[in-house]
């Protein structure tokens, strides 16, 4: 499975598994060409990030192979904390 990370002004944000990088890139490019706009993405952990995309704001995308995370389904009504060793000590 691929994990896409969007970095905005040197701050990395891992995206949820179902995010379409082509759509996000097109929305960011349209925002820059239009002088600026808000582009919303869903982050790993089922949280939403609104990015003010404008000329001069550096944005990069990184793609890496990772294991699938079943909780990372993009459901903004059910956010979760990223996996930690604490989860192993106290299983639900």
PDB file of N, CA and C in Angstrom:
ATOM      1  N   UNK A   1       0.846  -1.164   0.000  1.00  0.00           N
ATOM      2  CA  UNK A   1       0.000   0.000   0.000  1.00  0.00           C
ATOM      3  C   UNK A   1       0.893   1.228   0.000  1.00  0.00           C
ATOM      4  N   UNK A   2       0.455   2.277  -0.679  1.00  0.00           N
ATOM      5  CA  UNK A   2       1.229   3.505  -0.730  1.00  0.00           C
ATOM      6  C   UNK A   2       0.747   4.499   0.319  1.00  0.00           C
ATOM      7  N   UNK A   3       1.682   5.142   0.962  1.00  0.00           N
ATOM      8  CA  UNK A   3       1.389   6.231   1.889  1.00  0.00           C
ATOM      9  C   UNK A   3       1.886   7.503   1.219  1.00  0.00           C
ATOM     10  N   UNK A   4       1.012   8.469   1.051  1.00  0.00           N
ATOM     11  CA  UNK A   4       1.369   9.742   0.448  1.00  0.00           C
ATOM     12  C   UNK A   4       1.460  10.775   1.563  1.00  0.00           C
ATOM     13  N   UNK A   5       2.550  11.507   1.561  1.00  0.00           N
ATOM     14  CA  UNK A   5       2.744  12.581   2.518  1.00  0.00           C
ATOM     15  C   UNK A   5       2.800  13.892   1.750  1.00  0.00           C
ATOM     16  N   UNK A   6       1.981  14.852   2.173  1.00  0.00           N
ATOM     17  CA  UNK A   6       2.031  16.190   1.595  1.00  0.00           C
ATOM     18  C   UNK A   6       2.780  17.064   2.584  1.00  0.00           C
ATOM     19  N   UNK A   7       3.779  17.791   2.089  1.00  0.00           N
ATOM     20  CA  UNK A   7       4.546  18.696   2.930  1.00  0.00           C
ATOM     21  C   UNK A   7       4.212  20.114   2.505  1.00  0.00           C
ATOM     22  N   UNK A   8       3.742  20.889   3.470  1.00  0.00           N
ATOM     23  CA  UNK A   8       3.364  22.281   3.222  1.00  0.00           C
ATOM     24  C   UNK A   8       4.260  23.161   4.090  1.00  0.00           C
ATOM     25  N   UNK A   9       5.024  24.031   3.451  1.00  0.00           N
ATOM     26  CA  UNK A   9       5.936  24.929   4.168  1.00  0.00           C
ATOM     27  C   UNK A   9       6.769  24.170   5.209  1.00  0.00           C
ATOM     28  N   UNK A  10       7.387  23.072   4.782  1.00  0.00           N
ATOM     29  CA  UNK A  10       8.298  22.262   5.604  1.00  0.00           C
ATOM     30  C   UNK A  10       7.616  21.440   6.697  1.00  0.00           C
ATOM     31  N   UNK A  11       6.281  21.382   6.723  1.00  0.00           N
ATOM     32  CA  UNK A  11       5.573  20.563   7.702  1.00  0.00           C
ATOM     33  C   UNK A  11       4.930  19.376   6.989  1.00  0.00           C
ATOM     34  N   UNK A  12       5.382  18.140   7.274  1.00  0.00           N
ATOM     35  CA  UNK A  12       4.818  16.967   6.600  1.00  0.00           C
ATOM     36  C   UNK A  12       3.489  16.539   7.226  1.00  0.00           C
ATOM     37  N   UNK A  13       2.576  16.088   6.370  1.00  0.00           N
ATOM     38  CA  UNK A  13       1.268  15.597   6.799  1.00  0.00           C
ATOM     39  C   UNK A  13       0.967  14.313   6.026  1.00  0.00           C
ATOM     40  N   UNK A  14       0.955  13.135   6.681  1.00  0.00           N
ATOM     41  CA  UNK A  14       0.615  11.900   5.978  1.00  0.00           C
ATOM     42  C   UNK A  14      -0.876  11.872   5.654  1.00  0.00           C
ATOM     43  N   UNK A  15      -1.201  11.549   4.419  1.00  0.00           N
ATOM     44  CA  UNK A  15      -2.588  11.517   3.971  1.00  0.00           C
ATOM     45  C   UNK A  15      -3.236  10.177   4.280  1.00  0.00           C
ATOM     46  N   UNK A  16      -4.557  10.177   4.374  1.00  0.00           N
ATOM     47  CA  UNK A  16      -5.313   8.944   4.541  1.00  0.00           C
ATOM     48  C   UNK A  16      -5.098   8.066   3.304  1.00  0.00           C
ATOM     49  N   UNK A  17      -5.293   6.775   3.468  1.00  0.00           N
ATOM     50  CA  UNK A  17      -5.018   5.809   2.407  1.00  0.00           C
ATOM     51  C   UNK A  17      -5.806   6.061   1.133  1.00  0.00           C
ATOM     52  N   UNK A  18      -7.015   6.594   1.236  1.00  0.00           N
ATOM     53  CA  UNK A  18      -7.879   6.711   0.059  1.00  0.00           C
ATOM     54  C   UNK A  18      -7.743   8.037  -0.679  1.00  0.00           C
ATOM     55  N   UNK A  19      -6.785   8.863  -0.315  1.00  0.00           N
ATOM     56  CA  UNK A  19      -6.650  10.165  -0.956  1.00  0.00           C
ATOM     57  C   UNK A  19      -6.090  10.015  -2.368  1.00  0.00           C
ATOM     58  N   UNK A  20      -6.647  10.776  -3.298  1.00  0.00           N
ATOM     59  CA  UNK A  20      -6.262  10.737  -4.712  1.00  0.00           C
ATOM     60  C   UNK A  20      -5.239  11.843  -4.965  1.00  0.00           C
ATOM     61  N   UNK A  21      -3.972  11.459  -5.123  1.00  0.00           N
ATOM     62  CA  UNK A  21      -2.910  12.446  -5.289  1.00  0.00           C
ATOM     63  C   UNK A  21      -3.124  13.277  -6.545  1.00  0.00           C
ATOM     64  N   UNK A  22      -3.640  12.682  -7.610  1.00  0.00           N
ATOM     65  CA  UNK A  22      -3.896  13.430  -8.845  1.00  0.00           C
ATOM     66  C   UNK A  22      -4.913  14.540  -8.628  1.00  0.00           C
ATOM     67  N   UNK A  23      -5.969  14.240  -7.882  1.00  0.00           N
ATOM     68  CA  UNK A  23      -6.995  15.239  -7.579  1.00  0.00           C
ATOM     69  C   UNK A  23      -6.421  16.367  -6.716  1.00  0.00           C
ATOM     70  N   UNK A  24      -5.623  16.009  -5.715  1.00  0.00           N
ATOM     71  CA  UNK A  24      -5.034  17.016  -4.824  1.00  0.00           C
ATOM     72  C   UNK A  24      -4.053  17.899  -5.584  1.00  0.00           C
ATOM     73  N   UNK A  25      -3.231  17.300  -6.425  1.00  0.00           N
ATOM     74  CA  UNK A  25      -2.292  18.083  -7.225  1.00  0.00           C
ATOM     75  C   UNK A  25      -3.034  19.051  -8.145  1.00  0.00           C
ATOM     76  N   UNK A  26      -4.109  18.578  -8.782  1.00  0.00           N
ATOM     77  CA  UNK A  26      -4.891  19.438  -9.675  1.00  0.00           C
ATOM     78  C   UNK A  26      -5.551  20.581  -8.905  1.00  0.00           C
ATOM     79  N   UNK A  27      -6.077  20.286  -7.716  1.00  0.00           N
ATOM     80  CA  UNK A  27      -6.711  21.324  -6.898  1.00  0.00           C
ATOM     81  C   UNK A  27      -5.679  22.358  -6.445  1.00  0.00           C
ATOM     82  N   UNK A  28      -4.476  21.901  -6.073  1.00  0.00           N
ATOM     83  CA  UNK A  28      -3.420  22.822  -5.645  1.00  0.00           C
ATOM     84  C   UNK A  28      -2.974  23.702  -6.807  1.00  0.00           C
ATOM     85  N   UNK A  29      -2.823  23.118  -7.975  1.00  0.00           N
ATOM     86  CA  UNK A  29      -2.417  23.882  -9.151  1.00  0.00           C
ATOM     87  C   UNK A  29      -3.476  24.908  -9.531  1.00  0.00           C
ATOM     88  N   UNK A  30      -4.748  24.517  -9.479  1.00  0.00           N
ATOM     89  CA  UNK A  30      -5.835  25.456  -9.770  1.00  0.00           C
ATOM     90  C   UNK A  30      -5.853  26.597  -8.751  1.00  0.00           C
ATOM     91  N   UNK A  31      -5.583  26.283  -7.484  1.00  0.00           N
ATOM     92  CA  UNK A  31      -5.550  27.312  -6.446  1.00  0.00           C
ATOM     93  C   UNK A  31      -4.432  28.318  -6.715  1.00  0.00           C
ATOM     94  N   UNK A  32      -3.263  27.825  -7.096  1.00  0.00           N
ATOM     95  CA  UNK A  32      -2.137  28.720  -7.388  1.00  0.00           C
ATOM     96  C   UNK A  32      -2.460  29.587  -8.597  1.00  0.00           C
ATOM     97  N   UNK A  33      -2.981  28.974  -9.636  1.00  0.00           N
ATOM     98  CA  UNK A  33      -3.309  29.735 -10.854  1.00  0.00           C
ATOM     99  C   UNK A  33      -4.400  30.765 -10.607  1.00  0.00           C
ATOM    100  N   UNK A  34      -5.280  30.496  -9.645  1.00  0.00           N
ATOM    101  CA  UNK A  34      -6.356  31.422  -9.317  1.00  0.00           C
ATOM    102  C   UNK A  34      -5.963  32.468  -8.294  1.00  0.00           C
ATOM    103  N   UNK A  35      -4.709  32.467  -7.846  1.00  0.00           N
ATOM    104  CA  UNK A  35      -4.245  33.449  -6.881  1.00  0.00           C
ATOM    105  C   UNK A  35      -4.347  32.990  -5.439  1.00  0.00           C
ATOM    106  N   UNK A  36      -4.907  31.798  -5.213  1.00  0.00           N
ATOM    107  CA  UNK A  36      -4.990  31.237  -3.862  1.00  0.00           C
ATOM    108  C   UNK A  36      -6.371  30.683  -3.574  1.00  0.00           C
ATOM    109  N   UNK A  37      -6.404  29.606  -2.808  1.00  0.00           N
ATOM    110  CA  UNK A  37      -7.672  28.972  -2.419  1.00  0.00           C
ATOM    111  C   UNK A  37      -7.381  27.932  -1.331  1.00  0.00           C
ATOM    112  N   UNK A  38      -8.436  27.463  -0.705  1.00  0.00           N
ATOM    113  CA  UNK A  38      -8.329  26.412   0.302  1.00  0.00           C
ATOM    114  C   UNK A  38      -8.469  25.058  -0.389  1.00  0.00           C
ATOM    115  N   UNK A  39      -7.547  24.154  -0.099  1.00  0.00           N
ATOM    116  CA  UNK A  39      -7.613  22.770  -0.571  1.00  0.00           C
ATOM    117  C   UNK A  39      -7.711  21.896   0.668  1.00  0.00           C
ATOM    118  N   UNK A  40      -8.754  21.074   0.733  1.00  0.00           N
ATOM    119  CA  UNK A  40      -8.943  20.196   1.893  1.00  0.00           C
ATOM    120  C   UNK A  40      -8.508  18.780   1.559  1.00  0.00           C
ATOM    121  N   UNK A  41      -7.800  18.155   2.523  1.00  0.00           N
ATOM    122  CA  UNK A  41      -7.360  16.771   2.397  1.00  0.00           C
ATOM    123  C   UNK A  41      -7.698  16.047   3.693  1.00  0.00           C
ATOM    124  N   UNK A  42      -7.794  14.721   3.605  1.00  0.00           N
ATOM    125  CA  UNK A  42      -8.008  13.904   4.797  1.00  0.00           C
ATOM    126  C   UNK A  42      -6.673  13.285   5.172  1.00  0.00           C
ATOM    127  N   UNK A  43      -6.284  13.464   6.435  1.00  0.00           N
ATOM    128  CA  UNK A  43      -5.004  12.982   6.924  1.00  0.00           C
ATOM    129  C   UNK A  43      -5.121  11.583   7.511  1.00  0.00           C
ATOM    130  N   UNK A  44      -3.988  10.921   7.615  1.00  0.00           N
ATOM    131  CA  UNK A  44      -3.888   9.662   8.348  1.00  0.00           C
ATOM    132  C   UNK A  44      -4.392   9.920   9.761  1.00  0.00           C
ATOM    133  N   UNK A  45      -5.283   9.084  10.239  1.00  0.00           N
ATOM    134  CA  UNK A  45      -5.916   9.304  11.530  1.00  0.00           C
ATOM    135  C   UNK A  45      -7.319   9.844  11.371  1.00  0.00           C
ATOM    136  N   UNK A  46      -7.772   9.974  10.105  1.00  0.00           N
ATOM    137  CA  UNK A  46      -9.125  10.452   9.793  1.00  0.00           C
ATOM    138  C   UNK A  46      -9.371  11.860  10.327  1.00  0.00           C
ATOM    139  N   UNK A  47      -8.445  12.742   9.999  1.00  0.00           N
ATOM    140  CA  UNK A  47      -8.590  14.150  10.358  1.00  0.00           C
ATOM    141  C   UNK A  47      -8.484  14.984   9.087  1.00  0.00           C
ATOM    142  N   UNK A  48      -9.203  16.099   9.056  1.00  0.00           N
ATOM    143  CA  UNK A  48      -9.194  16.954   7.874  1.00  0.00           C
ATOM    144  C   UNK A  48      -8.191  18.087   8.055  1.00  0.00           C
ATOM    145  N   UNK A  49      -7.494  18.415   6.977  1.00  0.00           N
ATOM    146  CA  UNK A  49      -6.566  19.534   6.960  1.00  0.00           C
ATOM    147  C   UNK A  49      -6.974  20.460   5.825  1.00  0.00           C
ATOM    148  N   UNK A  50      -7.187  21.725   6.137  1.00  0.00           N
ATOM    149  CA  UNK A  50      -7.483  22.746   5.128  1.00  0.00           C
ATOM    150  C   UNK A  50      -6.190  23.524   4.888  1.00  0.00           C
ATOM    151  N   UNK A  51      -5.738  23.537   3.651  1.00  0.00           N
ATOM    152  CA  UNK A  51      -4.469  24.167   3.295  1.00  0.00           C
ATOM    153  C   UNK A  51      -4.761  25.398   2.451  1.00  0.00           C
ATOM    154  N   UNK A  52      -4.255  26.541   2.873  1.00  0.00           N
ATOM    155  CA  UNK A  52      -4.348  27.737   2.048  1.00  0.00           C
ATOM    156  C   UNK A  52      -3.221  27.652   1.031  1.00  0.00           C
ATOM    157  N   UNK A  53      -3.576  27.322  -0.192  1.00  0.00           N
ATOM    158  CA  UNK A  53      -2.600  27.165  -1.263  1.00  0.00           C
ATOM    159  C   UNK A  53      -2.574  28.460  -2.054  1.00  0.00           C
ATOM    160  N   UNK A  54      -1.389  29.058  -2.145  1.00  0.00           N
ATOM    161  CA  UNK A  54      -1.228  30.300  -2.889  1.00  0.00           C
ATOM    162  C   UNK A  54       0.173  30.334  -3.488  1.00  0.00           C
ATOM    163  N   UNK A  55       0.396  31.239  -4.451  1.00  0.00           N
ATOM    164  CA  UNK A  55       1.741  31.341  -5.020  1.00  0.00           C
ATOM    165  C   UNK A  55       2.762  31.603  -3.912  1.00  0.00           C
ATOM    166  N   UNK A  56       3.872  30.924  -3.968  1.00  0.00           N
ATOM    167  CA  UNK A  56       4.929  31.110  -2.980  1.00  0.00           C
ATOM    168  C   UNK A  56       4.874  30.137  -1.812  1.00  0.00           C
ATOM    169  N   UNK A  57       3.824  29.327  -1.713  1.00  0.00           N
ATOM    170  CA  UNK A  57       3.733  28.328  -0.643  1.00  0.00           C
ATOM    171  C   UNK A  57       4.263  27.008  -1.197  1.00  0.00           C
ATOM    172  N   UNK A  58       5.398  26.530  -0.666  1.00  0.00           N
ATOM    173  CA  UNK A  58       5.948  25.280  -1.200  1.00  0.00           C
ATOM    174  C   UNK A  58       5.142  24.064  -0.737  1.00  0.00           C
ATOM    175  N   UNK A  59       4.782  23.214  -1.704  1.00  0.00           N
ATOM    176  CA  UNK A  59       4.067  21.971  -1.424  1.00  0.00           C
ATOM    177  C   UNK A  59       4.774  20.857  -2.179  1.00  0.00           C
ATOM    178  N   UNK A  60       5.087  19.764  -1.457  1.00  0.00           N
ATOM    179  CA  UNK A  60       5.679  18.598  -2.099  1.00  0.00           C
ATOM    180  C   UNK A  60       4.880  17.361  -1.719  1.00  0.00           C
ATOM    181  N   UNK A  61       4.968  16.329  -2.549  1.00  0.00           N
ATOM    182  CA  UNK A  61       4.313  15.056  -2.302  1.00  0.00           C
ATOM    183  C   UNK A  61       5.359  13.965  -2.279  1.00  0.00           C
ATOM    184  N   UNK A  62       5.256  13.079  -1.286  1.00  0.00           N
ATOM    185  CA  UNK A  62       6.167  11.938  -1.179  1.00  0.00           C
ATOM    186  C   UNK A  62       5.330  10.674  -1.116  1.00  0.00           C
ATOM    187  N   UNK A  63       5.723   9.664  -1.880  1.00  0.00           N
ATOM    188  CA  UNK A  63       5.015   8.393  -1.903  1.00  0.00           C
ATOM    189  C   UNK A  63       5.942   7.314  -1.362  1.00  0.00           C
ATOM    190  N   UNK A  64       5.443   6.527  -0.384  1.00  0.00           N
ATOM    191  CA  UNK A  64       6.225   5.444   0.214  1.00  0.00           C
ATOM    192  C   UNK A  64       5.332   4.218   0.384  1.00  0.00           C
ATOM    193  N   UNK A  65       5.925   3.048   0.329  1.00  0.00           N
ATOM    194  CA  UNK A  65       5.189   1.801   0.550  1.00  0.00           C
ATOM    195  C   UNK A  65       5.093   1.530   2.047  1.00  0.00           C
ATOM    196  N   UNK A  66       3.875   1.266   2.532  1.00  0.00           N
ATOM    197  CA  UNK A  66       3.633   0.973   3.943  1.00  0.00           C
ATOM    198  C   UNK A  66       2.596  -0.139   4.043  1.00  0.00           C
ATOM    199  N   UNK A  67       2.474  -0.710   5.247  1.00  0.00           N
ATOM    200  CA  UNK A  67       1.443  -1.713   5.475  1.00  0.00           C
ATOM    201  C   UNK A  67       0.079  -1.039   5.542  1.00  0.00           C
ATOM    202  N   UNK A  68      -0.948  -1.759   5.137  1.00  0.00           N
ATOM    203  CA  UNK A  68      -2.305  -1.218   5.192  1.00  0.00           C
ATOM    204  C   UNK A  68      -2.739  -1.042   6.640  1.00  0.00           C
ATOM    205  N   UNK A  69      -3.451   0.022   6.920  1.00  0.00           N
ATOM    206  CA  UNK A  69      -3.971   0.334   8.249  1.00  0.00           C
ATOM    207  C   UNK A  69      -5.496   0.336   8.153  1.00  0.00           C
ATOM    208  N   UNK A  70      -6.181  -0.689   8.690  1.00  0.00           N
ATOM    209  CA  UNK A  70      -7.634  -0.787   8.532  1.00  0.00           C
ATOM    210  C   UNK A  70      -8.411   0.369   9.159  1.00  0.00           C
ATOM    211  N   UNK A  71      -7.864   1.016  10.180  1.00  0.00           N
ATOM    212  CA  UNK A  71      -8.571   2.149  10.800  1.00  0.00           C
ATOM    213  C   UNK A  71      -8.532   3.391   9.924  1.00  0.00           C
ATOM    214  N   UNK A  72      -7.587   3.452   9.007  1.00  0.00           N
ATOM    215  CA  UNK A  72      -7.373   4.634   8.169  1.00  0.00           C
ATOM    216  C   UNK A  72      -8.298   4.583   6.958  1.00  0.00           C
ATOM    217  N   UNK A  73      -9.596   4.802   7.213  1.00  0.00           N
ATOM    218  CA  UNK A  73     -10.598   4.676   6.154  1.00  0.00           C
ATOM    219  C   UNK A  73     -11.141   6.024   5.682  1.00  0.00           C
ATOM    220  N   UNK A  74     -10.577   7.135   6.167  1.00  0.00           N
ATOM    221  CA  UNK A  74     -10.991   8.451   5.723  1.00  0.00           C
ATOM    222  C   UNK A  74     -12.277   8.957   6.344  1.00  0.00           C
ATOM    223  N   UNK A  75     -12.825   8.231   7.315  1.00  0.00           N
ATOM    224  CA  UNK A  75     -14.077   8.619   7.964  1.00  0.00           C
ATOM    225  C   UNK A  75     -13.793   9.708   8.990  1.00  0.00           C
ATOM    226  N   UNK A  76     -14.109  10.951   8.638  1.00  0.00           N
ATOM    227  CA  UNK A  76     -13.799  12.088   9.503  1.00  0.00           C
ATOM    228  C   UNK A  76     -14.604  12.075  10.796  1.00  0.00           C
ATOM    229  N   UNK A  77     -15.697  11.308  10.846  1.00  0.00           N
ATOM    230  CA  UNK A  77     -16.489  11.194  12.072  1.00  0.00           C
ATOM    231  C   UNK A  77     -15.869  10.224  13.071  1.00  0.00           C
ATOM    232  N   UNK A  78     -14.840   9.480  12.649  1.00  0.00           N
ATOM    233  CA  UNK A  78     -14.201   8.495  13.521  1.00  0.00           C
ATOM    234  C   UNK A  78     -12.678   8.617  13.455  1.00  0.00           C
ATOM    235  N   UNK A  79     -12.135   9.726  13.981  1.00  0.00           N
ATOM    236  CA  UNK A  79     -10.672   9.857  14.000  1.00  0.00           C
ATOM    237  C   UNK A  79     -10.045   8.860  14.968  1.00  0.00           C
ATOM    238  N   UNK A  80      -8.771   8.598  14.783  1.00  0.00           N
ATOM    239  CA  UNK A  80      -8.042   7.693  15.674  1.00  0.00           C
ATOM    240  C   UNK A  80      -6.632   8.227  15.851  1.00  0.00           C
ATOM    241  N   UNK A  81      -6.001   7.809  16.939  1.00  0.00           N
ATOM    242  CA  UNK A  81      -4.615   8.173  17.165  1.00  0.00           C
ATOM    243  C   UNK A  81      -3.740   7.165  16.441  1.00  0.00           C
ATOM    244  N   UNK A  82      -2.669   7.630  15.807  1.00  0.00           N
ATOM    245  CA  UNK A  82      -1.780   6.692  15.127  1.00  0.00           C
ATOM    246  C   UNK A  82      -1.286   5.600  16.064  1.00  0.00           C
ATOM    247  N   UNK A  83      -0.967   4.459  15.495  1.00  0.00           N
ATOM    248  CA  UNK A  83      -0.528   3.279  16.239  1.00  0.00           C
ATOM    249  C   UNK A  83       0.669   3.588  17.119  1.00  0.00           C
ATOM    250  N   UNK A  84       0.679   3.016  18.297  1.00  0.00           N
ATOM    251  CA  UNK A  84       1.836   3.120  19.179  1.00  0.00           C
ATOM    252  C   UNK A  84       1.980   1.801  19.930  1.00  0.00           C
ATOM    253  N   UNK A  85       3.107   1.611  20.614  1.00  0.00           N
ATOM    254  CA  UNK A  85       3.320   0.406  21.416  1.00  0.00           C
ATOM    255  C   UNK A  85       2.315   0.336  22.557  1.00  0.00           C
ATOM    256  N   UNK A  86       1.770   1.456  22.969  1.00  0.00           N
ATOM    257  CA  UNK A  86       0.765   1.498  24.010  1.00  0.00           C
ATOM    258  C   UNK A  86      -0.432   0.622  23.629  1.00  0.00           C
ATOM    259  N   UNK A  87      -0.777   0.570  22.338  1.00  0.00           N
ATOM    260  CA  UNK A  87      -1.900  -0.248  21.870  1.00  0.00           C
ATOM    261  C   UNK A  87      -1.692  -1.727  22.189  1.00  0.00           C
ATOM    262  N   UNK A  88      -0.438  -2.180  22.127  1.00  0.00           N
ATOM    263  CA  UNK A  88      -0.152  -3.597  22.402  1.00  0.00           C
ATOM    264  C   UNK A  88      -0.350  -3.945  23.877  1.00  0.00           C
ATOM    265  N   UNK A  89      -0.082  -2.997  24.755  1.00  0.00           N
ATOM    266  CA  UNK A  89      -0.185  -3.259  26.185  1.00  0.00           C
ATOM    267  C   UNK A  89      -1.630  -3.308  26.669  1.00  0.00           C
ATOM    268  N   UNK A  90      -2.505  -2.601  26.004  1.00  0.00           N
ATOM    269  CA  UNK A  90      -3.899  -2.510  26.427  1.00  0.00           C
ATOM    270  C   UNK A  90      -4.827  -2.748  25.244  1.00  0.00           C
ATOM    271  N   UNK A  91      -4.904  -3.999  24.760  1.00  0.00           N
ATOM    272  CA  UNK A  91      -5.763  -4.263  23.601  1.00  0.00           C
ATOM    273  C   UNK A  91      -7.233  -4.031  23.930  1.00  0.00           C
ATOM    274  N   UNK A  92      -7.965  -3.591  22.914  1.00  0.00           N
ATOM    275  CA  UNK A  92      -9.387  -3.323  23.111  1.00  0.00           C
ATOM    276  C   UNK A  92     -10.210  -4.551  22.835  1.00  0.00           C
TER     277      UNK A  92
END
